[in-house]
């Protein structure tokens, strides 16, 4: 009895996600997780509390909490820019 061929055998995860219509969402979550991780790491390195970081960013603590939440992809570009500036970094975006 012949086995049914697996249509995903040999394909990449990106191909699978694209076929399921989930690639853009997965990429957005991945990018957001990296940003949240890097900001949190730099805050820890500089000994910044969330309150101090929010003050440096001239924003609310809840806006910072949204930025640091790796699952929240609705953070504004302005918030990300303020966070980068507050920790002495630049935010760079590009289209590929």
N, C-alpha and C. Protein backbone atom coordinates (compact mmCIF):
# COMPACT_ATOMS: atom_id res chain seq x y z
N UNK A 1 0.84 -1.17 0.00
CA UNK A 1 0.00 0.00 0.00
C UNK A 1 0.89 1.24 0.00
N UNK A 2 0.71 2.12 -0.93
CA UNK A 2 1.54 3.32 -1.06
C UNK A 2 1.14 4.36 -0.03
N UNK A 3 2.16 5.02 0.53
CA UNK A 3 1.90 6.09 1.49
C UNK A 3 1.52 7.36 0.75
N UNK A 4 0.65 8.14 1.36
CA UNK A 4 0.25 9.43 0.81
C UNK A 4 1.41 10.41 1.00
N UNK A 5 1.80 11.11 -0.04
CA UNK A 5 2.92 12.04 0.03
C UNK A 5 2.55 13.25 0.88
N UNK A 6 3.47 13.66 1.72
CA UNK A 6 3.27 14.84 2.56
C UNK A 6 3.56 16.07 1.72
N UNK A 7 2.55 16.90 1.50
CA UNK A 7 2.73 18.07 0.64
C UNK A 7 3.66 19.11 1.25
N UNK A 8 3.94 19.03 2.56
CA UNK A 8 4.82 20.00 3.21
C UNK A 8 6.25 19.48 3.36
N UNK A 9 6.49 18.25 2.99
CA UNK A 9 7.82 17.67 3.12
C UNK A 9 8.79 18.43 2.20
N UNK A 10 9.83 18.95 2.80
CA UNK A 10 10.83 19.68 2.03
C UNK A 10 10.56 21.16 1.91
N UNK A 11 9.37 21.61 2.34
CA UNK A 11 9.09 23.04 2.27
C UNK A 11 9.58 23.72 3.55
N UNK A 12 9.73 25.02 3.47
CA UNK A 12 10.23 25.76 4.63
C UNK A 12 9.06 26.21 5.51
N UNK A 13 9.40 26.62 6.71
CA UNK A 13 8.38 27.15 7.61
C UNK A 13 7.74 28.39 7.01
N UNK A 14 8.55 29.24 6.36
CA UNK A 14 8.00 30.42 5.71
C UNK A 14 6.99 30.05 4.64
N UNK A 15 7.28 29.00 3.86
CA UNK A 15 6.34 28.55 2.84
C UNK A 15 5.03 28.09 3.47
N UNK A 16 5.13 27.34 4.55
CA UNK A 16 3.94 26.84 5.23
C UNK A 16 3.11 28.01 5.77
N UNK A 17 3.78 28.95 6.45
CA UNK A 17 3.06 30.10 6.99
C UNK A 17 2.43 30.94 5.89
N UNK A 18 3.14 31.12 4.78
CA UNK A 18 2.59 31.88 3.65
C UNK A 18 1.37 31.19 3.08
N UNK A 19 1.44 29.86 2.93
CA UNK A 19 0.30 29.11 2.39
C UNK A 19 -0.92 29.19 3.30
N UNK A 20 -0.68 29.30 4.61
CA UNK A 20 -1.77 29.39 5.57
C UNK A 20 -2.21 30.84 5.81
N UNK A 21 -1.53 31.80 5.17
CA UNK A 21 -1.87 33.21 5.33
C UNK A 21 -1.42 33.79 6.66
N UNK A 22 -0.39 33.20 7.25
CA UNK A 22 0.06 33.61 8.57
C UNK A 22 1.45 34.23 8.58
N UNK A 23 2.11 34.32 7.44
CA UNK A 23 3.49 34.76 7.40
C UNK A 23 3.67 36.19 7.90
N UNK A 24 2.85 37.12 7.43
CA UNK A 24 3.00 38.53 7.84
C UNK A 24 2.79 38.69 9.34
N UNK A 25 1.81 38.01 9.88
CA UNK A 25 1.55 38.09 11.31
C UNK A 25 2.72 37.51 12.11
N UNK A 26 3.24 36.39 11.67
CA UNK A 26 4.37 35.76 12.36
C UNK A 26 5.61 36.65 12.31
N UNK A 27 5.84 37.30 11.17
CA UNK A 27 6.98 38.20 11.06
C UNK A 27 6.81 39.41 11.96
N UNK A 28 5.59 39.96 12.04
CA UNK A 28 5.34 41.11 12.91
C UNK A 28 5.58 40.76 14.37
N UNK A 29 5.13 39.59 14.79
CA UNK A 29 5.33 39.16 16.17
C UNK A 29 6.82 38.95 16.44
N UNK A 30 7.54 38.36 15.49
CA UNK A 30 8.98 38.13 15.66
C UNK A 30 9.74 39.45 15.79
N UNK A 31 9.43 40.41 14.94
CA UNK A 31 10.09 41.72 15.00
C UNK A 31 9.79 42.38 16.33
N UNK A 32 8.54 42.33 16.76
CA UNK A 32 8.15 42.96 18.01
C UNK A 32 8.86 42.31 19.19
N UNK A 33 8.99 41.00 19.18
CA UNK A 33 9.69 40.30 20.27
C UNK A 33 11.15 40.74 20.36
N UNK A 34 11.79 40.91 19.22
CA UNK A 34 13.18 41.35 19.21
C UNK A 34 13.29 42.76 19.77
N UNK A 35 12.42 43.66 19.36
CA UNK A 35 12.45 45.02 19.87
C UNK A 35 12.21 45.04 21.37
N UNK A 36 11.21 44.32 21.83
CA UNK A 36 10.90 44.27 23.27
C UNK A 36 12.09 43.72 24.04
N UNK A 37 12.70 42.66 23.54
CA UNK A 37 13.85 42.05 24.20
C UNK A 37 15.03 43.03 24.28
N UNK A 38 15.33 43.68 23.16
CA UNK A 38 16.47 44.58 23.13
C UNK A 38 16.26 45.79 24.04
N UNK A 39 15.06 46.36 24.06
CA UNK A 39 14.79 47.49 24.94
C UNK A 39 14.89 47.05 26.40
N UNK A 40 14.29 45.92 26.74
CA UNK A 40 14.35 45.43 28.12
C UNK A 40 15.79 45.14 28.54
N UNK A 41 16.57 44.55 27.65
CA UNK A 41 17.97 44.25 27.95
C UNK A 41 18.76 45.52 28.20
N UNK A 42 18.54 46.53 27.37
CA UNK A 42 19.27 47.79 27.54
C UNK A 42 18.81 48.52 28.80
N UNK A 43 17.53 48.43 29.12
CA UNK A 43 17.04 49.02 30.38
C UNK A 43 17.74 48.38 31.57
N UNK A 44 17.84 47.06 31.55
CA UNK A 44 18.50 46.34 32.65
C UNK A 44 19.98 46.71 32.72
N UNK A 45 20.62 46.80 31.58
CA UNK A 45 22.04 47.17 31.52
C UNK A 45 22.27 48.55 32.11
N UNK A 46 21.35 49.46 31.87
CA UNK A 46 21.49 50.83 32.36
C UNK A 46 20.86 51.03 33.74
N UNK A 47 20.24 49.98 34.27
CA UNK A 47 19.61 50.07 35.58
C UNK A 47 18.38 50.95 35.60
N UNK A 48 17.65 50.99 34.49
CA UNK A 48 16.46 51.83 34.38
C UNK A 48 15.21 51.07 34.80
N UNK A 49 14.45 51.63 35.68
CA UNK A 49 13.14 51.07 36.02
C UNK A 49 12.16 51.44 34.91
N UNK A 50 11.00 50.82 34.94
CA UNK A 50 9.98 51.16 33.95
C UNK A 50 9.54 52.61 34.10
N UNK A 51 9.41 53.07 35.34
CA UNK A 51 9.00 54.45 35.58
C UNK A 51 10.04 55.42 35.02
N UNK A 52 11.32 55.15 35.25
CA UNK A 52 12.38 56.01 34.75
C UNK A 52 12.43 56.00 33.23
N UNK A 53 12.26 54.81 32.65
CA UNK A 53 12.29 54.69 31.19
C UNK A 53 11.12 55.46 30.58
N UNK A 54 9.93 55.32 31.15
CA UNK A 54 8.75 56.04 30.64
C UNK A 54 8.99 57.55 30.72
N UNK A 55 9.61 57.98 31.79
CA UNK A 55 9.90 59.41 31.94
C UNK A 55 10.90 59.88 30.87
N UNK A 56 11.94 59.10 30.62
CA UNK A 56 12.90 59.43 29.56
C UNK A 56 12.22 59.48 28.19
N UNK A 57 11.26 58.61 27.98
CA UNK A 57 10.54 58.54 26.71
C UNK A 57 9.47 59.62 26.60
N UNK A 58 9.19 60.30 27.71
CA UNK A 58 8.11 61.28 27.77
C UNK A 58 6.79 60.66 27.34
N UNK A 59 6.52 59.50 27.95
CA UNK A 59 5.29 58.78 27.66
C UNK A 59 4.78 58.15 28.94
N UNK A 60 3.69 57.43 28.84
CA UNK A 60 3.11 56.80 30.02
C UNK A 60 3.74 55.44 30.28
N UNK A 61 3.59 54.98 31.48
CA UNK A 61 4.08 53.65 31.85
C UNK A 61 3.32 52.58 31.07
N UNK A 62 2.03 52.81 30.81
CA UNK A 62 1.24 51.82 30.05
C UNK A 62 1.73 51.72 28.61
N UNK A 63 2.18 52.83 28.01
CA UNK A 63 2.73 52.78 26.65
C UNK A 63 4.02 51.97 26.65
N UNK A 64 4.83 52.14 27.68
CA UNK A 64 6.06 51.35 27.80
C UNK A 64 5.73 49.88 28.01
N UNK A 65 4.74 49.59 28.83
CA UNK A 65 4.32 48.19 29.04
C UNK A 65 3.90 47.55 27.73
N UNK A 66 3.18 48.27 26.88
CA UNK A 66 2.78 47.74 25.57
C UNK A 66 4.01 47.46 24.71
N UNK A 67 5.00 48.36 24.78
CA UNK A 67 6.23 48.16 24.01
C UNK A 67 6.97 46.93 24.49
N UNK A 68 7.03 46.72 25.80
CA UNK A 68 7.77 45.59 26.35
C UNK A 68 7.02 44.26 26.28
N UNK A 69 5.74 44.30 25.94
CA UNK A 69 4.94 43.08 25.79
C UNK A 69 5.25 42.47 24.43
N UNK A 70 5.95 41.33 24.39
CA UNK A 70 6.35 40.75 23.10
C UNK A 70 5.19 40.32 22.22
N UNK A 71 4.02 40.16 22.78
CA UNK A 71 2.86 39.73 21.98
C UNK A 71 2.07 40.90 21.41
N UNK A 72 2.30 42.10 21.92
CA UNK A 72 1.53 43.27 21.50
C UNK A 72 2.18 43.91 20.28
N UNK A 73 1.57 43.77 19.12
CA UNK A 73 2.14 44.31 17.88
C UNK A 73 1.53 45.65 17.51
N UNK A 74 0.70 46.22 18.38
CA UNK A 74 0.03 47.48 18.05
C UNK A 74 0.77 48.70 18.57
N UNK A 75 2.03 48.57 18.87
CA UNK A 75 2.83 49.68 19.36
C UNK A 75 3.11 50.64 18.20
N UNK A 76 3.06 51.93 18.50
CA UNK A 76 3.27 52.91 17.44
C UNK A 76 4.75 53.09 17.12
N UNK A 77 5.00 53.54 15.93
CA UNK A 77 6.35 53.85 15.50
C UNK A 77 6.93 54.95 16.39
N UNK A 78 6.13 55.90 16.77
CA UNK A 78 6.57 56.98 17.65
C UNK A 78 7.07 56.43 18.99
N UNK A 79 6.35 55.47 19.56
CA UNK A 79 6.77 54.87 20.83
C UNK A 79 8.09 54.13 20.68
N UNK A 80 8.24 53.38 19.60
CA UNK A 80 9.50 52.68 19.36
C UNK A 80 10.65 53.66 19.17
N UNK A 81 10.40 54.76 18.48
CA UNK A 81 11.43 55.77 18.26
C UNK A 81 11.83 56.42 19.58
N UNK A 82 10.86 56.73 20.42
CA UNK A 82 11.17 57.33 21.72
C UNK A 82 11.97 56.38 22.60
N UNK A 83 11.64 55.11 22.56
CA UNK A 83 12.37 54.12 23.35
C UNK A 83 13.81 54.02 22.88
N UNK A 84 14.00 53.96 21.57
CA UNK A 84 15.35 53.88 21.03
C UNK A 84 16.17 55.10 21.45
N UNK A 85 15.59 56.26 21.33
CA UNK A 85 16.30 57.49 21.70
C UNK A 85 16.63 57.49 23.19
N UNK A 86 15.71 57.03 24.03
CA UNK A 86 15.92 57.03 25.48
C UNK A 86 17.08 56.15 25.90
N UNK A 87 17.38 55.11 25.12
CA UNK A 87 18.49 54.22 25.47
C UNK A 87 19.71 54.45 24.58
N UNK A 88 19.70 55.60 23.90
CA UNK A 88 20.86 55.98 23.09
C UNK A 88 21.01 55.21 21.80
N UNK A 89 19.92 54.72 21.27
CA UNK A 89 19.95 53.95 20.02
C UNK A 89 19.15 54.68 18.95
N UNK A 90 19.26 54.19 17.72
CA UNK A 90 18.45 54.69 16.61
C UNK A 90 17.57 53.57 16.11
N UNK A 91 16.35 53.90 15.77
CA UNK A 91 15.43 52.93 15.18
C UNK A 91 15.61 53.00 13.67
N UNK A 92 15.89 51.87 13.04
CA UNK A 92 16.05 51.82 11.60
C UNK A 92 15.00 50.89 11.02
N UNK A 93 14.28 51.36 10.02
CA UNK A 93 13.29 50.55 9.33
C UNK A 93 13.67 50.47 7.86
N UNK A 94 13.33 49.37 7.26
CA UNK A 94 13.57 49.24 5.82
C UNK A 94 12.52 48.33 5.22
N UNK A 95 12.32 48.47 3.94
CA UNK A 95 11.43 47.59 3.21
C UNK A 95 12.31 46.65 2.39
N UNK A 96 11.98 45.38 2.44
CA UNK A 96 12.78 44.41 1.69
C UNK A 96 11.93 43.77 0.61
